[in-house]
N, C-alpha and C. Protein backbone atom coordinates (compact mmCIF):
# COMPACT_ATOMS: atom_id res chain seq x y z
N UNK A 1 0.84 -1.17 0.00
CA UNK A 1 0.00 0.00 0.00
C UNK A 1 0.89 1.24 0.00
N UNK A 2 0.55 2.21 -0.85
CA UNK A 2 1.33 3.44 -0.98
C UNK A 2 0.95 4.42 0.12
N UNK A 3 1.96 5.02 0.70
CA UNK A 3 1.74 6.01 1.75
C UNK A 3 1.22 7.31 1.14
N UNK A 4 0.13 7.85 1.66
CA UNK A 4 -0.44 9.11 1.18
C UNK A 4 0.03 10.22 2.12
N UNK A 5 0.80 11.15 1.57
CA UNK A 5 1.34 12.27 2.35
C UNK A 5 1.28 13.53 1.49
N UNK A 6 1.20 14.66 2.16
CA UNK A 6 1.21 15.94 1.47
C UNK A 6 2.15 16.90 2.18
N UNK A 7 2.69 17.82 1.40
CA UNK A 7 3.34 19.00 1.93
C UNK A 7 2.58 20.16 1.29
N UNK A 8 2.82 21.38 1.75
CA UNK A 8 2.09 22.52 1.16
C UNK A 8 3.00 23.74 1.12
N UNK A 9 2.88 24.50 0.04
CA UNK A 9 3.58 25.77 -0.09
C UNK A 9 2.66 26.86 0.45
N UNK A 10 3.15 27.62 1.41
CA UNK A 10 2.40 28.72 1.99
C UNK A 10 2.73 29.97 1.19
N UNK A 11 1.76 30.46 0.41
CA UNK A 11 2.01 31.60 -0.48
C UNK A 11 2.13 32.93 0.27
N UNK A 12 1.66 32.98 1.50
CA UNK A 12 1.77 34.20 2.30
C UNK A 12 3.12 34.26 3.01
N UNK A 13 3.50 33.17 3.66
CA UNK A 13 4.76 33.13 4.41
C UNK A 13 5.95 32.72 3.55
N UNK A 14 5.67 32.26 2.32
CA UNK A 14 6.70 31.81 1.39
C UNK A 14 7.59 30.74 2.00
N UNK A 15 6.93 29.71 2.52
CA UNK A 15 7.67 28.59 3.10
C UNK A 15 6.94 27.28 2.83
N UNK A 16 7.72 26.20 2.81
CA UNK A 16 7.18 24.87 2.60
C UNK A 16 6.82 24.27 3.95
N UNK A 17 5.62 23.72 4.02
CA UNK A 17 5.17 23.05 5.24
C UNK A 17 5.20 21.55 4.97
N UNK A 18 6.14 20.84 5.59
CA UNK A 18 6.24 19.39 5.35
C UNK A 18 5.16 18.65 6.13
N UNK A 19 4.86 17.44 5.70
CA UNK A 19 3.94 16.56 6.42
C UNK A 19 2.71 17.31 6.92
N UNK A 20 1.97 17.86 6.00
CA UNK A 20 0.84 18.73 6.33
C UNK A 20 -0.08 18.14 7.39
N UNK A 21 -0.49 16.91 7.23
CA UNK A 21 -1.44 16.33 8.18
C UNK A 21 -0.81 16.12 9.55
N UNK A 22 0.47 15.75 9.59
CA UNK A 22 1.15 15.57 10.88
C UNK A 22 1.30 16.91 11.61
N UNK A 23 1.66 17.95 10.86
CA UNK A 23 1.89 19.25 11.48
C UNK A 23 0.62 19.96 11.91
N UNK A 24 -0.51 19.54 11.37
CA UNK A 24 -1.78 20.20 11.71
C UNK A 24 -2.77 19.20 12.28
N UNK A 25 -2.24 18.22 13.01
CA UNK A 25 -3.04 17.26 13.76
C UNK A 25 -4.10 16.57 12.92
N UNK A 26 -3.75 16.19 11.71
CA UNK A 26 -4.65 15.41 10.86
C UNK A 26 -5.73 16.22 10.19
N UNK A 27 -5.70 17.52 10.32
CA UNK A 27 -6.75 18.35 9.73
C UNK A 27 -6.46 18.63 8.26
N UNK A 28 -7.43 18.30 7.42
CA UNK A 28 -7.31 18.61 6.00
C UNK A 28 -7.77 20.02 5.69
N UNK A 29 -8.25 20.75 6.71
CA UNK A 29 -8.74 22.11 6.49
C UNK A 29 -7.66 23.01 5.92
N UNK A 30 -6.43 22.78 6.31
CA UNK A 30 -5.32 23.59 5.82
C UNK A 30 -5.28 23.58 4.30
N UNK A 31 -5.50 22.43 3.71
CA UNK A 31 -5.41 22.32 2.25
C UNK A 31 -6.57 23.00 1.54
N UNK A 32 -7.61 23.36 2.28
CA UNK A 32 -8.76 24.05 1.69
C UNK A 32 -8.54 25.56 1.61
N UNK A 33 -7.58 26.08 2.37
CA UNK A 33 -7.31 27.51 2.34
C UNK A 33 -6.54 27.86 1.06
N UNK A 34 -6.97 28.92 0.39
CA UNK A 34 -6.40 29.26 -0.91
C UNK A 34 -4.93 29.67 -0.84
N UNK A 35 -4.45 30.05 0.33
CA UNK A 35 -3.04 30.46 0.41
C UNK A 35 -2.08 29.28 0.39
N UNK A 36 -2.58 28.07 0.58
CA UNK A 36 -1.74 26.88 0.60
C UNK A 36 -1.88 26.10 -0.70
N UNK A 37 -0.75 25.70 -1.26
CA UNK A 37 -0.74 24.89 -2.48
C UNK A 37 -0.26 23.49 -2.09
N UNK A 38 -1.17 22.52 -2.10
CA UNK A 38 -0.78 21.17 -1.68
C UNK A 38 0.01 20.44 -2.76
N UNK A 39 0.93 19.60 -2.33
CA UNK A 39 1.72 18.76 -3.22
C UNK A 39 1.77 17.37 -2.62
N UNK A 40 1.42 16.39 -3.43
CA UNK A 40 1.33 15.01 -2.94
C UNK A 40 2.65 14.27 -3.10
N UNK A 41 2.93 13.40 -2.17
CA UNK A 41 4.09 12.50 -2.22
C UNK A 41 3.83 11.46 -3.30
N UNK A 42 4.81 11.18 -4.13
CA UNK A 42 4.66 10.22 -5.22
C UNK A 42 4.73 8.77 -4.77
N UNK A 43 5.24 8.55 -3.57
CA UNK A 43 5.46 7.19 -3.10
C UNK A 43 6.85 6.69 -3.46
N UNK A 44 7.64 7.54 -4.12
CA UNK A 44 9.00 7.18 -4.54
C UNK A 44 10.03 8.05 -3.84
N UNK A 45 11.25 7.55 -3.82
CA UNK A 45 12.37 8.31 -3.27
C UNK A 45 13.42 8.50 -4.36
N UNK A 46 14.17 9.58 -4.24
CA UNK A 46 15.22 9.82 -5.23
C UNK A 46 16.42 8.92 -4.93
N UNK A 47 17.47 9.06 -5.72
CA UNK A 47 18.63 8.16 -5.58
C UNK A 47 19.35 8.34 -4.25
N UNK A 48 19.05 9.42 -3.52
CA UNK A 48 19.65 9.66 -2.20
C UNK A 48 18.70 9.31 -1.05
N UNK A 49 17.54 8.76 -1.38
CA UNK A 49 16.58 8.36 -0.35
C UNK A 49 15.62 9.46 0.08
N UNK A 50 15.62 10.60 -0.62
CA UNK A 50 14.73 11.71 -0.29
C UNK A 50 13.38 11.51 -0.99
N UNK A 51 12.28 11.76 -0.27
CA UNK A 51 10.94 11.57 -0.82
C UNK A 51 10.68 12.55 -1.97
N UNK A 52 10.13 12.03 -3.07
CA UNK A 52 9.83 12.85 -4.24
C UNK A 52 8.36 13.28 -4.17
N UNK A 53 8.14 14.60 -4.25
CA UNK A 53 6.81 15.19 -4.22
C UNK A 53 6.49 15.87 -5.54
N UNK A 54 5.21 16.02 -5.79
CA UNK A 54 4.74 16.84 -6.90
C UNK A 54 5.38 18.22 -6.77
N UNK A 55 5.83 18.78 -7.89
CA UNK A 55 6.47 20.09 -7.87
C UNK A 55 7.96 20.05 -7.62
N UNK A 56 8.52 18.88 -7.33
CA UNK A 56 9.97 18.79 -7.17
C UNK A 56 10.65 18.94 -8.52
N UNK A 57 11.83 19.54 -8.50
CA UNK A 57 12.67 19.63 -9.68
C UNK A 57 13.75 18.58 -9.50
N UNK A 58 13.86 17.71 -10.50
CA UNK A 58 14.78 16.58 -10.41
C UNK A 58 15.73 16.58 -11.60
N UNK A 59 16.81 15.84 -11.45
CA UNK A 59 17.75 15.69 -12.57
C UNK A 59 18.22 14.25 -12.66
N UNK A 60 18.64 13.87 -13.84
CA UNK A 60 19.20 12.54 -14.10
C UNK A 60 19.94 12.60 -15.43
N UNK A 61 20.46 11.47 -15.85
CA UNK A 61 21.03 11.33 -17.18
C UNK A 61 20.10 10.40 -17.94
N UNK A 62 19.62 10.86 -19.10
CA UNK A 62 18.69 10.05 -19.89
C UNK A 62 19.35 9.59 -21.18
N UNK A 63 18.86 8.47 -21.67
CA UNK A 63 19.27 7.96 -22.98
C UNK A 63 18.01 7.68 -23.77
N UNK A 64 18.11 7.67 -25.06
CA UNK A 64 16.96 7.44 -25.91
C UNK A 64 16.78 5.95 -26.17
N UNK A 65 15.54 5.50 -26.18
CA UNK A 65 15.24 4.11 -26.51
C UNK A 65 15.21 3.91 -28.02
N UNK A 66 15.05 5.00 -28.78
CA UNK A 66 14.81 4.88 -30.22
C UNK A 66 16.07 4.95 -31.07
N UNK A 67 17.14 5.48 -30.52
CA UNK A 67 18.39 5.52 -31.28
C UNK A 67 19.56 5.46 -30.30
N UNK A 68 20.72 5.51 -30.80
CA UNK A 68 21.92 5.42 -29.96
C UNK A 68 22.41 6.81 -29.55
N UNK A 69 21.48 7.65 -29.18
CA UNK A 69 21.78 9.02 -28.77
C UNK A 69 22.73 9.02 -27.57
N UNK A 70 23.62 9.99 -27.55
CA UNK A 70 24.53 10.15 -26.43
C UNK A 70 23.72 10.53 -25.19
N UNK A 71 23.98 9.89 -24.06
CA UNK A 71 23.25 10.26 -22.83
C UNK A 71 23.40 11.75 -22.55
N UNK A 72 22.33 12.35 -22.04
CA UNK A 72 22.35 13.78 -21.74
C UNK A 72 21.77 14.05 -20.37
N UNK A 73 22.23 15.13 -19.76
CA UNK A 73 21.66 15.56 -18.48
C UNK A 73 20.24 16.05 -18.74
N UNK A 74 19.36 15.75 -17.82
CA UNK A 74 17.96 16.16 -17.94
C UNK A 74 17.48 16.70 -16.61
N UNK A 75 16.85 17.87 -16.65
CA UNK A 75 16.16 18.41 -15.49
C UNK A 75 14.68 18.39 -15.81
N UNK A 76 13.86 18.06 -14.80
CA UNK A 76 12.43 17.91 -15.03
C UNK A 76 11.66 18.27 -13.77
N UNK A 77 10.36 18.53 -13.96
CA UNK A 77 9.45 18.82 -12.86
C UNK A 77 8.49 17.64 -12.71
N UNK A 78 8.27 17.22 -11.49
CA UNK A 78 7.37 16.10 -11.22
C UNK A 78 5.93 16.60 -11.29
N UNK A 79 5.11 15.94 -12.13
CA UNK A 79 3.71 16.32 -12.31
C UNK A 79 2.83 15.08 -12.35
N UNK A 80 1.56 15.26 -11.97
CA UNK A 80 0.53 14.21 -12.02
C UNK A 80 -0.37 14.53 -13.19
N UNK A 81 -0.64 13.55 -14.06
CA UNK A 81 -1.49 13.80 -15.22
C UNK A 81 -2.92 13.28 -15.03
N UNK A 82 -3.26 12.87 -13.82
CA UNK A 82 -4.57 12.31 -13.56
C UNK A 82 -4.56 10.80 -13.49
N UNK A 83 -3.47 10.21 -14.01
CA UNK A 83 -3.34 8.75 -14.01
C UNK A 83 -2.02 8.25 -13.44
N UNK A 84 -0.95 9.02 -13.66
CA UNK A 84 0.35 8.60 -13.16
C UNK A 84 1.27 9.81 -13.02
N UNK A 85 2.40 9.57 -12.34
CA UNK A 85 3.41 10.60 -12.14
C UNK A 85 4.36 10.64 -13.32
N UNK A 86 4.75 11.85 -13.72
CA UNK A 86 5.68 12.06 -14.82
C UNK A 86 6.76 13.05 -14.41
N UNK A 87 7.87 12.98 -15.08
CA UNK A 87 8.92 13.99 -14.98
C UNK A 87 8.90 14.76 -16.31
N UNK A 88 8.42 16.00 -16.27
CA UNK A 88 8.28 16.83 -17.47
C UNK A 88 9.56 17.65 -17.63
N UNK A 89 10.23 17.46 -18.75
CA UNK A 89 11.49 18.13 -19.01
C UNK A 89 11.34 19.65 -18.95
N UNK A 90 12.34 20.30 -18.37
CA UNK A 90 12.35 21.76 -18.31
C UNK A 90 12.82 22.35 -19.63
N UNK A 91 13.71 21.64 -20.34
CA UNK A 91 14.35 22.21 -21.52
C UNK A 91 13.83 21.68 -22.86
N UNK A 92 13.09 20.60 -22.83
CA UNK A 92 12.55 20.03 -24.08
C UNK A 92 11.07 19.72 -23.87
N UNK A 93 10.46 19.14 -24.87
CA UNK A 93 9.05 18.76 -24.76
C UNK A 93 8.89 17.33 -24.22
N UNK A 94 9.97 16.72 -23.75
CA UNK A 94 9.94 15.33 -23.31
C UNK A 94 9.23 15.16 -21.97
N UNK A 95 8.55 14.03 -21.86
CA UNK A 95 7.95 13.58 -20.60
C UNK A 95 8.56 12.22 -20.32
N UNK A 96 9.03 11.99 -19.10
CA UNK A 96 9.65 10.73 -18.73
C UNK A 96 8.85 10.07 -17.61
N UNK A 97 8.70 8.76 -17.69
CA UNK A 97 8.11 8.06 -16.56
C UNK A 97 9.11 8.14 -15.41
N UNK A 98 8.65 8.47 -14.24
CA UNK A 98 9.59 8.68 -13.14
C UNK A 98 10.22 7.38 -12.68
N UNK A 99 9.65 6.26 -13.09
CA UNK A 99 10.19 4.96 -12.69
C UNK A 99 11.39 4.55 -13.54
N UNK A 100 11.62 5.24 -14.67
CA UNK A 100 12.63 4.82 -15.64
C UNK A 100 14.07 5.23 -15.30
N UNK A 101 14.24 6.23 -14.44
CA UNK A 101 15.57 6.76 -14.20
C UNK A 101 15.81 6.99 -12.71
N UNK A 102 17.09 7.01 -12.29
CA UNK A 102 17.42 7.33 -10.90
C UNK A 102 17.48 8.86 -10.72
N UNK A 103 16.36 9.47 -10.43
CA UNK A 103 16.28 10.92 -10.29
C UNK A 103 16.95 11.40 -9.01
N UNK A 104 17.38 12.65 -9.03
CA UNK A 104 17.91 13.30 -7.84
C UNK A 104 17.19 14.64 -7.70
N UNK A 105 16.64 14.91 -6.52
CA UNK A 105 15.94 16.17 -6.28
C UNK A 105 16.97 17.29 -6.15
N UNK A 106 16.75 18.37 -6.92
CA UNK A 106 17.65 19.52 -6.85
C UNK A 106 16.92 20.77 -6.35
N UNK A 107 15.62 20.67 -6.13
CA UNK A 107 14.84 21.80 -5.64
C UNK A 107 13.37 21.56 -5.87
N UNK A 108 12.59 22.64 -5.79
CA UNK A 108 11.17 22.55 -6.14
C UNK A 108 10.75 23.86 -6.79
N UNK A 109 9.58 23.85 -7.42
CA UNK A 109 9.16 24.98 -8.25
C UNK A 109 8.88 26.26 -7.47
N UNK A 110 8.66 26.16 -6.17
CA UNK A 110 8.35 27.34 -5.37
C UNK A 110 9.57 27.94 -4.70
N UNK A 111 10.43 27.11 -4.14
CA UNK A 111 11.62 27.61 -3.45
C UNK A 111 12.79 27.86 -4.40
N UNK A 112 12.77 27.25 -5.57
CA UNK A 112 13.88 27.36 -6.51
C UNK A 112 13.41 27.64 -7.93
N UNK A 113 12.61 28.70 -8.15
CA UNK A 113 12.10 28.97 -9.50
C UNK A 113 13.19 29.26 -10.52
N UNK A 114 14.36 29.68 -10.05
CA UNK A 114 15.47 29.95 -10.97
C UNK A 114 15.92 28.71 -11.72
N UNK A 115 15.64 27.52 -11.18
CA UNK A 115 16.02 26.28 -11.85
C UNK A 115 15.15 25.97 -13.05
N UNK A 116 14.04 26.67 -13.20
CA UNK A 116 13.13 26.44 -14.32
C UNK A 116 13.54 27.20 -15.57
N UNK A 117 14.57 28.06 -15.48
CA UNK A 117 15.00 28.86 -16.62
C UNK A 117 16.07 28.18 -17.42
């Protein structure tokens, strides 16, 4: 069974609140307030054992399945498409299944927006 966890970005205080339900005594009311942006845990950890959440910016080295392309560094944002988790490339139009590569978290879209450029 996959562990269901959330963290939330506080748009007023500009800080990440980890383990939302633990920090607010199991209350989901926090996630209903418009100032908080919830992000769900994917159930996966990066190559260093850190939990991967929606909105995390990750990096890895990717290779193409279709040709003998030289491996390249890839940075991506973790997103949910309604059915599964994906790593959406920051620099190309590529979408990668997060299970295919050993990702490493380098930041998130709220605390490290400079990584999206």
